[in-house]
């Protein structure tokens, strides 16, 4: 195991690189003479792998260390601003090949300690703390900007929907009023026709009904009228008295 160490790629974007390795004792005598035990071997291997990792990563840009293939990026506004893909996004070597180069270089040194290095892998890569803060701040700012954009678009769409709703509501009310007035007009016309037929059949009876209706709508228990005996309003009531 190699302790995560800070390395500068060729484009000077400092990163932490966490590597691990597999090894075996190839020559027990040399191993005992040079490193004594597993702890001593691990210490020497850490130094060797750390040095070769630093030398190798310094030869490549950050994108080569991060990526293993030229798989297409999912293009978003955030990736367009990413430090990793600025400049160029196509890799020529890649992360896996860089790990192989580290293994090849370190494997030339380890036999002098009786050790055969079997494998070296890059476990994790991360920005240093200062860069991390800038990246996180930029990500937060980008998220807030996108949230504000979506909120603005949502509010605009909401206002548009409300406007359409109010417009449709006014149309429905207008149509309902038109239909109501049309029905009312037809009803009044029909009532007039019926009244006219009733009047033509018996004008005196029709006049009596209308007068009684007028009495009913004009008086209540609290109403007082003082009328002369020859008032037209009392004509039918006086005619009832004669009968």
C-alpha atoms as a PDB file:
ATOM      1  CA  UNK A   1       0.000   0.000   0.000  1.00  0.00           C
ATOM      2  CA  UNK A   2       1.276   3.441  -0.936  1.00  0.00           C
ATOM      3  CA  UNK A   3       0.119   6.452   1.103  1.00  0.00           C
ATOM      4  CA  UNK A   4      -1.847   8.938  -1.062  1.00  0.00           C
ATOM      5  CA  UNK A   5       0.597  11.573  -2.261  1.00  0.00           C
ATOM      6  CA  UNK A   6       0.272  14.910  -4.009  1.00  0.00           C
ATOM      7  CA  UNK A   7       1.604  14.948  -7.572  1.00  0.00           C
ATOM      8  CA  UNK A   8       1.708  17.632 -10.262  1.00  0.00           C
ATOM      9  CA  UNK A   9       0.686  16.448 -13.758  1.00  0.00           C
ATOM     10  CA  UNK A  10       2.275  18.136 -16.746  1.00  0.00           C
ATOM     11  CA  UNK A  11      -0.417  20.841 -16.772  1.00  0.00           C
ATOM     12  CA  UNK A  12       0.333  21.635 -13.074  1.00  0.00           C
ATOM     13  CA  UNK A  13      -3.120  20.850 -11.670  1.00  0.00           C
ATOM     14  CA  UNK A  14      -2.051  19.295  -8.374  1.00  0.00           C
ATOM     15  CA  UNK A  15      -3.839  16.068  -7.459  1.00  0.00           C
ATOM     16  CA  UNK A  16      -3.753  13.370  -4.791  1.00  0.00           C
ATOM     17  CA  UNK A  17      -3.021   9.915  -6.208  1.00  0.00           C
ATOM     18  CA  UNK A  18      -3.751   6.789  -4.172  1.00  0.00           C
ATOM     19  CA  UNK A  19      -2.042   3.657  -5.536  1.00  0.00           C
ATOM     20  CA  UNK A  20      -1.737   0.050  -4.456  1.00  0.00           C
ATOM     21  CA  UNK A  21       0.582  -2.772  -5.527  1.00  0.00           C
ATOM     22  CA  UNK A  22       0.934  -6.552  -5.406  1.00  0.00           C
ATOM     23  CA  UNK A  23       4.379  -8.093  -4.922  1.00  0.00           C
ATOM     24  CA  UNK A  24       6.096 -11.284  -3.864  1.00  0.00           C
ATOM     25  CA  UNK A  25       9.466 -12.352  -2.522  1.00  0.00           C
ATOM     26  CA  UNK A  26      11.468 -13.538  -5.531  1.00  0.00           C
ATOM     27  CA  UNK A  27      14.890 -14.115  -3.830  1.00  0.00           C
ATOM     28  CA  UNK A  28      14.603 -14.813  -0.076  1.00  0.00           C
ATOM     29  CA  UNK A  29      18.355 -14.360   0.599  1.00  0.00           C
ATOM     30  CA  UNK A  30      18.572 -10.933  -1.062  1.00  0.00           C
ATOM     31  CA  UNK A  31      15.261  -9.999   0.523  1.00  0.00           C
ATOM     32  CA  UNK A  32      16.590 -10.822   4.002  1.00  0.00           C
ATOM     33  CA  UNK A  33      19.926  -9.104   3.392  1.00  0.00           C
ATOM     34  CA  UNK A  34      18.448  -5.900   1.974  1.00  0.00           C
ATOM     35  CA  UNK A  35      15.089  -5.318   3.735  1.00  0.00           C
ATOM     36  CA  UNK A  36      15.044  -7.927   6.559  1.00  0.00           C
ATOM     37  CA  UNK A  37      11.256  -8.357   6.757  1.00  0.00           C
ATOM     38  CA  UNK A  38       7.898  -7.420   5.262  1.00  0.00           C
ATOM     39  CA  UNK A  39       7.787  -4.045   7.001  1.00  0.00           C
ATOM     40  CA  UNK A  40      11.170  -3.082   5.557  1.00  0.00           C
ATOM     41  CA  UNK A  41      10.111  -4.307   2.102  1.00  0.00           C
ATOM     42  CA  UNK A  42       6.872  -2.317   2.269  1.00  0.00           C
ATOM     43  CA  UNK A  43       8.778   0.838   3.195  1.00  0.00           C
ATOM     44  CA  UNK A  44      11.185   0.467   0.265  1.00  0.00           C
ATOM     45  CA  UNK A  45       8.396  -0.361  -2.154  1.00  0.00           C
ATOM     46  CA  UNK A  46       6.453   2.718  -1.038  1.00  0.00           C
ATOM     47  CA  UNK A  47       9.465   4.883  -1.832  1.00  0.00           C
ATOM     48  CA  UNK A  48      10.034   3.234  -5.202  1.00  0.00           C
ATOM     49  CA  UNK A  49       6.415   3.331  -6.335  1.00  0.00           C
ATOM     50  CA  UNK A  50       5.971   6.882  -5.057  1.00  0.00           C
ATOM     51  CA  UNK A  51       8.997   8.087  -7.005  1.00  0.00           C
ATOM     52  CA  UNK A  52       8.020   6.306 -10.220  1.00  0.00           C
ATOM     53  CA  UNK A  53       4.427   7.494  -9.901  1.00  0.00           C
ATOM     54  CA  UNK A  54       5.602  11.087  -9.521  1.00  0.00           C
ATOM     55  CA  UNK A  55       7.982  10.816 -12.493  1.00  0.00           C
ATOM     56  CA  UNK A  56       5.365   9.184 -14.709  1.00  0.00           C
ATOM     57  CA  UNK A  57       2.421  11.456 -13.877  1.00  0.00           C
ATOM     58  CA  UNK A  58       4.596  14.540 -14.437  1.00  0.00           C
ATOM     59  CA  UNK A  59       4.894  13.504 -18.101  1.00  0.00           C
ATOM     60  CA  UNK A  60       1.145  13.604 -18.785  1.00  0.00           C
ATOM     61  CA  UNK A  61      -1.742  16.068 -18.568  1.00  0.00           C
ATOM     62  CA  UNK A  62      -4.414  15.566 -15.945  1.00  0.00           C
ATOM     63  CA  UNK A  63      -6.958  14.246 -18.429  1.00  0.00           C
ATOM     64  CA  UNK A  64      -4.599  11.395 -19.371  1.00  0.00           C
ATOM     65  CA  UNK A  65      -4.301  10.408 -15.700  1.00  0.00           C
ATOM     66  CA  UNK A  66      -8.057  10.553 -15.099  1.00  0.00           C
ATOM     67  CA  UNK A  67      -9.451   8.871 -18.198  1.00  0.00           C
ATOM     68  CA  UNK A  68      -8.980   5.320 -19.438  1.00  0.00           C
ATOM     69  CA  UNK A  69     -10.705   5.621 -22.813  1.00  0.00           C
ATOM     70  CA  UNK A  70     -12.050   8.134 -25.298  1.00  0.00           C
ATOM     71  CA  UNK A  71     -15.655   7.404 -24.372  1.00  0.00           C
ATOM     72  CA  UNK A  72     -17.737  10.446 -25.233  1.00  0.00           C
ATOM     73  CA  UNK A  73     -18.416  12.894 -22.426  1.00  0.00           C
ATOM     74  CA  UNK A  74     -22.006  13.550 -21.484  1.00  0.00           C
ATOM     75  CA  UNK A  75     -21.988  17.178 -22.536  1.00  0.00           C
ATOM     76  CA  UNK A  76     -23.560  19.502 -19.986  1.00  0.00           C
ATOM     77  CA  UNK A  77     -22.919  23.102 -19.025  1.00  0.00           C
ATOM     78  CA  UNK A  78     -20.911  21.814 -16.090  1.00  0.00           C
ATOM     79  CA  UNK A  79     -18.623  19.546 -18.146  1.00  0.00           C
ATOM     80  CA  UNK A  80     -18.040  22.376 -20.605  1.00  0.00           C
ATOM     81  CA  UNK A  81     -16.580  24.364 -17.677  1.00  0.00           C
ATOM     82  CA  UNK A  82     -14.645  21.409 -16.242  1.00  0.00           C
ATOM     83  CA  UNK A  83     -10.919  21.808 -15.723  1.00  0.00           C
ATOM     84  CA  UNK A  84     -10.419  18.204 -16.849  1.00  0.00           C
ATOM     85  CA  UNK A  85     -11.758  18.633 -20.377  1.00  0.00           C
ATOM     86  CA  UNK A  86     -10.606  22.169 -21.078  1.00  0.00           C
ATOM     87  CA  UNK A  87      -8.187  22.288 -23.982  1.00  0.00           C
ATOM     88  CA  UNK A  88      -8.739  18.772 -25.313  1.00  0.00           C
ATOM     89  CA  UNK A  89     -10.773  15.743 -24.355  1.00  0.00           C
ATOM     90  CA  UNK A  90      -9.103  13.017 -26.454  1.00  0.00           C
ATOM     91  CA  UNK A  91      -6.504  10.886 -24.667  1.00  0.00           C
ATOM     92  CA  UNK A  92      -3.516   9.129 -26.242  1.00  0.00           C
ATOM     93  CA  UNK A  93      -2.236   7.082 -23.285  1.00  0.00           C
ATOM     94  CA  UNK A  94      -4.835   6.929 -20.533  1.00  0.00           C
ATOM     95  CA  UNK A  95      -4.940   5.937 -16.886  1.00  0.00           C
ATOM     96  CA  UNK A  96      -4.511   2.191 -17.341  1.00  0.00           C
ATOM     97  CA  UNK A  97      -1.445   2.566 -19.553  1.00  0.00           C
ATOM     98  CA  UNK A  98       0.073   5.066 -17.086  1.00  0.00           C
ATOM     99  CA  UNK A  99      -0.306   2.454 -14.327  1.00  0.00           C
ATOM    100  CA  UNK A 100       1.478  -0.051 -16.578  1.00  0.00           C
ATOM    101  CA  UNK A 101       4.318   2.437 -17.168  1.00  0.00           C
ATOM    102  CA  UNK A 102       4.696   2.904 -13.401  1.00  0.00           C
ATOM    103  CA  UNK A 103       4.799  -0.886 -12.977  1.00  0.00           C
ATOM    104  CA  UNK A 104       7.411  -1.285 -15.724  1.00  0.00           C
ATOM    105  CA  UNK A 105       9.650   1.414 -14.250  1.00  0.00           C
ATOM    106  CA  UNK A 106       9.354   0.224 -10.647  1.00  0.00           C
ATOM    107  CA  UNK A 107       9.861  -3.440 -11.646  1.00  0.00           C
ATOM    108  CA  UNK A 108      13.381  -2.600 -12.864  1.00  0.00           C
ATOM    109  CA  UNK A 109      14.330  -1.476  -9.331  1.00  0.00           C
ATOM    110  CA  UNK A 110      12.657  -4.005  -7.020  1.00  0.00           C
ATOM    111  CA  UNK A 111      14.757  -7.110  -7.937  1.00  0.00           C
ATOM    112  CA  UNK A 112      17.745  -5.633  -6.067  1.00  0.00           C
ATOM    113  CA  UNK A 113      15.668  -6.094  -2.911  1.00  0.00           C
ATOM    114  CA  UNK A 114      14.654  -9.664  -3.760  1.00  0.00           C
ATOM    115  CA  UNK A 115      11.137  -8.542  -4.651  1.00  0.00           C
ATOM    116  CA  UNK A 116       9.091  -9.135  -7.785  1.00  0.00           C
ATOM    117  CA  UNK A 117       6.481  -6.445  -8.360  1.00  0.00           C
ATOM    118  CA  UNK A 118       3.388  -8.093  -9.827  1.00  0.00           C
ATOM    119  CA  UNK A 119       0.998  -5.203 -10.287  1.00  0.00           C
ATOM    120  CA  UNK A 120       0.498  -1.471  -9.646  1.00  0.00           C
ATOM    121  CA  UNK A 121      -2.906   0.173  -9.837  1.00  0.00           C
ATOM    122  CA  UNK A 122      -4.240   3.683  -9.360  1.00  0.00           C
ATOM    123  CA  UNK A 123      -6.946   3.345  -6.726  1.00  0.00           C
ATOM    124  CA  UNK A 124      -8.176   6.919  -6.544  1.00  0.00           C
ATOM    125  CA  UNK A 125      -7.416  10.395  -7.906  1.00  0.00           C
ATOM    126  CA  UNK A 126      -8.614  13.601  -6.324  1.00  0.00           C
ATOM    127  CA  UNK A 127      -7.871  17.301  -6.412  1.00  0.00           C
ATOM    128  CA  UNK A 128      -5.804  18.808  -3.620  1.00  0.00           C
ATOM    129  CA  UNK A 129      -7.823  20.637  -0.954  1.00  0.00           C
ATOM    130  CA  UNK A 130      -7.369  24.129  -2.391  1.00  0.00           C
ATOM    131  CA  UNK A 131      -8.505  23.027  -5.841  1.00  0.00           C
ATOM    132  CA  UNK A 132     -11.313  20.940  -4.347  1.00  0.00           C
ATOM    133  CA  UNK A 133     -12.747  24.009  -2.654  1.00  0.00           C
ATOM    134  CA  UNK A 134     -12.686  25.933  -5.926  1.00  0.00           C
ATOM    135  CA  UNK A 135     -14.280  23.015  -7.764  1.00  0.00           C
ATOM    136  CA  UNK A 136     -16.987  22.586  -5.122  1.00  0.00           C
ATOM    137  CA  UNK A 137     -17.644  26.332  -5.040  1.00  0.00           C
ATOM    138  CA  UNK A 138     -17.948  26.348  -8.817  1.00  0.00           C
ATOM    139  CA  UNK A 139     -20.246  23.327  -8.722  1.00  0.00           C
ATOM    140  CA  UNK A 140     -22.430  24.963  -6.052  1.00  0.00           C
ATOM    141  CA  UNK A 141     -22.558  28.211  -8.019  1.00  0.00           C
ATOM    142  CA  UNK A 142     -23.431  26.274 -11.175  1.00  0.00           C
ATOM    143  CA  UNK A 143     -26.181  24.353  -9.383  1.00  0.00           C
ATOM    144  CA  UNK A 144     -27.591  27.612  -7.986  1.00  0.00           C
ATOM    145  CA  UNK A 145     -27.448  29.213 -11.424  1.00  0.00           C
ATOM    146  CA  UNK A 146     -29.236  26.251 -12.977  1.00  0.00           C
ATOM    147  CA  UNK A 147     -31.792  26.225 -10.140  1.00  0.00           C
ATOM    148  CA  UNK A 148     -32.435  29.946 -10.685  1.00  0.00           C
ATOM    149  CA  UNK A 149     -32.790  29.332 -14.408  1.00  0.00           C
ATOM    150  CA  UNK A 150     -35.264  26.472 -13.920  1.00  0.00           C
ATOM    151  CA  UNK A 151     -37.128  28.492 -11.268  1.00  0.00           C
ATOM    152  CA  UNK A 152     -37.387  31.445 -13.657  1.00  0.00           C
ATOM    153  CA  UNK A 153     -38.545  29.197 -16.484  1.00  0.00           C
ATOM    154  CA  UNK A 154     -41.041  27.560 -14.122  1.00  0.00           C
ATOM    155  CA  UNK A 155     -42.411  30.908 -12.979  1.00  0.00           C
ATOM    156  CA  UNK A 156     -42.703  32.050 -16.579  1.00  0.00           C
ATOM    157  CA  UNK A 157     -44.535  28.877 -17.534  1.00  0.00           C
ATOM    158  CA  UNK A 158     -46.733  29.213 -14.444  1.00  0.00           C
ATOM    159  CA  UNK A 159     -47.683  32.760 -15.435  1.00  0.00           C
ATOM    160  CA  UNK A 160     -48.384  31.556 -18.964  1.00  0.00           C
ATOM    161  CA  UNK A 161     -50.635  28.755 -17.678  1.00  0.00           C
ATOM    162  CA  UNK A 162     -52.459  31.147 -15.344  1.00  0.00           C
ATOM    163  CA  UNK A 163     -52.973  33.566 -18.229  1.00  0.00           C
ATOM    164  CA  UNK A 164     -54.353  30.770 -20.411  1.00  0.00           C
ATOM    165  CA  UNK A 165     -56.601  29.662 -17.545  1.00  0.00           C
ATOM    166  CA  UNK A 166     -57.974  33.181 -17.023  1.00  0.00           C
ATOM    167  CA  UNK A 167     -58.510  33.579 -20.756  1.00  0.00           C
ATOM    168  CA  UNK A 168     -60.331  30.251 -20.963  1.00  0.00           C
ATOM    169  CA  UNK A 169     -62.376  31.107 -17.860  1.00  0.00           C
ATOM    170  CA  UNK A 170     -63.472  34.411 -19.397  1.00  0.00           C
ATOM    171  CA  UNK A 171     -64.396  32.604 -22.611  1.00  0.00           C
ATOM    172  CA  UNK A 172     -66.445  30.024 -20.711  1.00  0.00           C
ATOM    173  CA  UNK A 173     -68.210  32.715 -18.677  1.00  0.00           C
ATOM    174  CA  UNK A 174     -68.913  34.740 -21.810  1.00  0.00           C
ATOM    175  CA  UNK A 175     -70.273  31.690 -23.612  1.00  0.00           C
ATOM    176  CA  UNK A 176     -72.342  30.705 -20.572  1.00  0.00           C
ATOM    177  CA  UNK A 177     -73.762  34.244 -20.314  1.00  0.00           C
ATOM    178  CA  UNK A 178     -74.592  34.242 -24.018  1.00  0.00           C
ATOM    179  CA  UNK A 179     -76.353  30.906 -23.754  1.00  0.00           C
ATOM    180  CA  UNK A 180     -78.182  32.008 -20.603  1.00  0.00           C
ATOM    181  CA  UNK A 181     -79.366  35.201 -22.305  1.00  0.00           C
ATOM    182  CA  UNK A 182     -80.415  33.203 -25.350  1.00  0.00           C
ATOM    183  CA  UNK A 183     -82.400  30.764 -23.204  1.00  0.00           C
ATOM    184  CA  UNK A 184     -83.863  33.644 -21.204  1.00  0.00           C
ATOM    185  CA  UNK A 185     -84.870  35.423 -24.403  1.00  0.00           C
ATOM    186  CA  UNK A 186     -86.525  32.283 -25.767  1.00  0.00           C
ATOM    187  CA  UNK A 187     -88.319  31.779 -22.431  1.00  0.00           C
ATOM    188  CA  UNK A 188     -89.582  35.359 -22.396  1.00  0.00           C
ATOM    189  CA  UNK A 189     -90.680  35.061 -25.989  1.00  0.00           C
ATOM    190  CA  UNK A 190     -92.527  31.857 -25.173  1.00  0.00           C
ATOM    191  CA  UNK A 191     -94.103  33.470 -22.106  1.00  0.00           C
ATOM    192  CA  UNK A 192     -95.212  36.419 -24.220  1.00  0.00           C
ATOM    193  CA  UNK A 193     -96.685  34.051 -26.791  1.00  0.00           C
ATOM    194  CA  UNK A 194     -98.600  32.180 -24.098  1.00  0.00           C
ATOM    195  CA  UNK A 195     -99.829  35.431 -22.555  1.00  0.00           C
ATOM    196  CA  UNK A 196    -100.894  36.607 -25.988  1.00  0.00           C
ATOM    197  CA  UNK A 197    -102.814  33.389 -26.643  1.00  0.00           C
ATOM    198  CA  UNK A 198    -104.474  33.627 -23.241  1.00  0.00           C
ATOM    199  CA  UNK A 199    -105.442  37.246 -23.845  1.00  0.00           C
ATOM    200  CA  UNK A 200    -106.919  36.424 -27.243  1.00  0.00           C
ATOM    201  CA  UNK A 201    -108.980  33.577 -25.796  1.00  0.00           C
ATOM    202  CA  UNK A 202    -110.548  35.686 -23.008  1.00  0.00           C
ATOM    203  CA  UNK A 203    -109.277  39.239 -22.570  1.00  0.00           C
ATOM    204  CA  UNK A 204    -111.330  39.838 -19.431  1.00  0.00           C
ATOM    205  CA  UNK A 205    -110.073  36.682 -17.733  1.00  0.00           C
ATOM    206  CA  UNK A 206    -106.480  37.537 -18.702  1.00  0.00           C
ATOM    207  CA  UNK A 207    -106.897  41.022 -17.303  1.00  0.00           C
ATOM    208  CA  UNK A 208    -108.269  39.521 -14.101  1.00  0.00           C
ATOM    209  CA  UNK A 209    -105.254  37.219 -13.726  1.00  0.00           C
ATOM    210  CA  UNK A 210    -102.802  40.013 -14.313  1.00  0.00           C
ATOM    211  CA  UNK A 211    -104.601  42.215 -11.813  1.00  0.00           C
ATOM    212  CA  UNK A 212    -104.612  39.496  -9.165  1.00  0.00           C
ATOM    213  CA  UNK A 213    -100.948  38.925  -9.817  1.00  0.00           C
ATOM    214  CA  UNK A 214    -100.348  42.622  -9.344  1.00  0.00           C
ATOM    215  CA  UNK A 215    -102.266  42.525  -6.056  1.00  0.00           C
ATOM    216  CA  UNK A 216    -100.168  39.601  -4.831  1.00  0.00           C
ATOM    217  CA  UNK A 217     -96.829  41.199  -5.699  1.00  0.00           C
ATOM    218  CA  UNK A 218     -97.786  44.683  -4.489  1.00  0.00           C
ATOM    219  CA  UNK A 219     -99.205  43.976  -1.018  1.00  0.00           C
ATOM    220  CA  UNK A 220     -98.022  42.308   2.139  1.00  0.00           C
ATOM    221  CA  UNK A 221     -99.225  42.305   5.752  1.00  0.00           C
ATOM    222  CA  UNK A 222     -97.467  45.584   6.418  1.00  0.00           C
ATOM    223  CA  UNK A 223     -98.780  47.486   3.380  1.00  0.00           C
ATOM    224  CA  UNK A 224    -101.515  50.145   3.628  1.00  0.00           C
ATOM    225  CA  UNK A 225    -103.192  51.832   0.648  1.00  0.00           C
ATOM    226  CA  UNK A 226    -105.715  54.627   0.725  1.00  0.00           C
ATOM    227  CA  UNK A 227    -107.662  54.692  -2.566  1.00  0.00           C
ATOM    228  CA  UNK A 228    -110.796  56.411  -3.814  1.00  0.00           C
ATOM    229  CA  UNK A 229    -113.810  54.243  -4.615  1.00  0.00           C
ATOM    230  CA  UNK A 230    -113.547  54.905  -8.329  1.00  0.00           C
ATOM    231  CA  UNK A 231    -109.860  53.920  -8.525  1.00  0.00           C
ATOM    232  CA  UNK A 232    -109.152  51.474 -11.339  1.00  0.00           C
ATOM    233  CA  UNK A 233    -107.020  49.435  -8.978  1.00  0.00           C
ATOM    234  CA  UNK A 234    -110.157  48.451  -7.014  1.00  0.00           C
ATOM    235  CA  UNK A 235    -112.339  47.667  -9.983  1.00  0.00           C
ATOM    236  CA  UNK A 236    -112.113  43.871  -9.780  1.00  0.00           C
ATOM    237  CA  UNK A 237    -112.317  43.808  -5.992  1.00  0.00           C
ATOM    238  CA  UNK A 238    -115.529  45.857  -6.155  1.00  0.00           C
ATOM    239  CA  UNK A 239    -116.864  43.573  -8.831  1.00  0.00           C
ATOM    240  CA  UNK A 240    -116.380  40.621  -6.431  1.00  0.00           C
ATOM    241  CA  UNK A 241    -118.410  42.478  -3.810  1.00  0.00           C
ATOM    242  CA  UNK A 242    -121.386  42.656  -6.219  1.00  0.00           C
ATOM    243  CA  UNK A 243    -121.357  38.881  -6.472  1.00  0.00           C
END
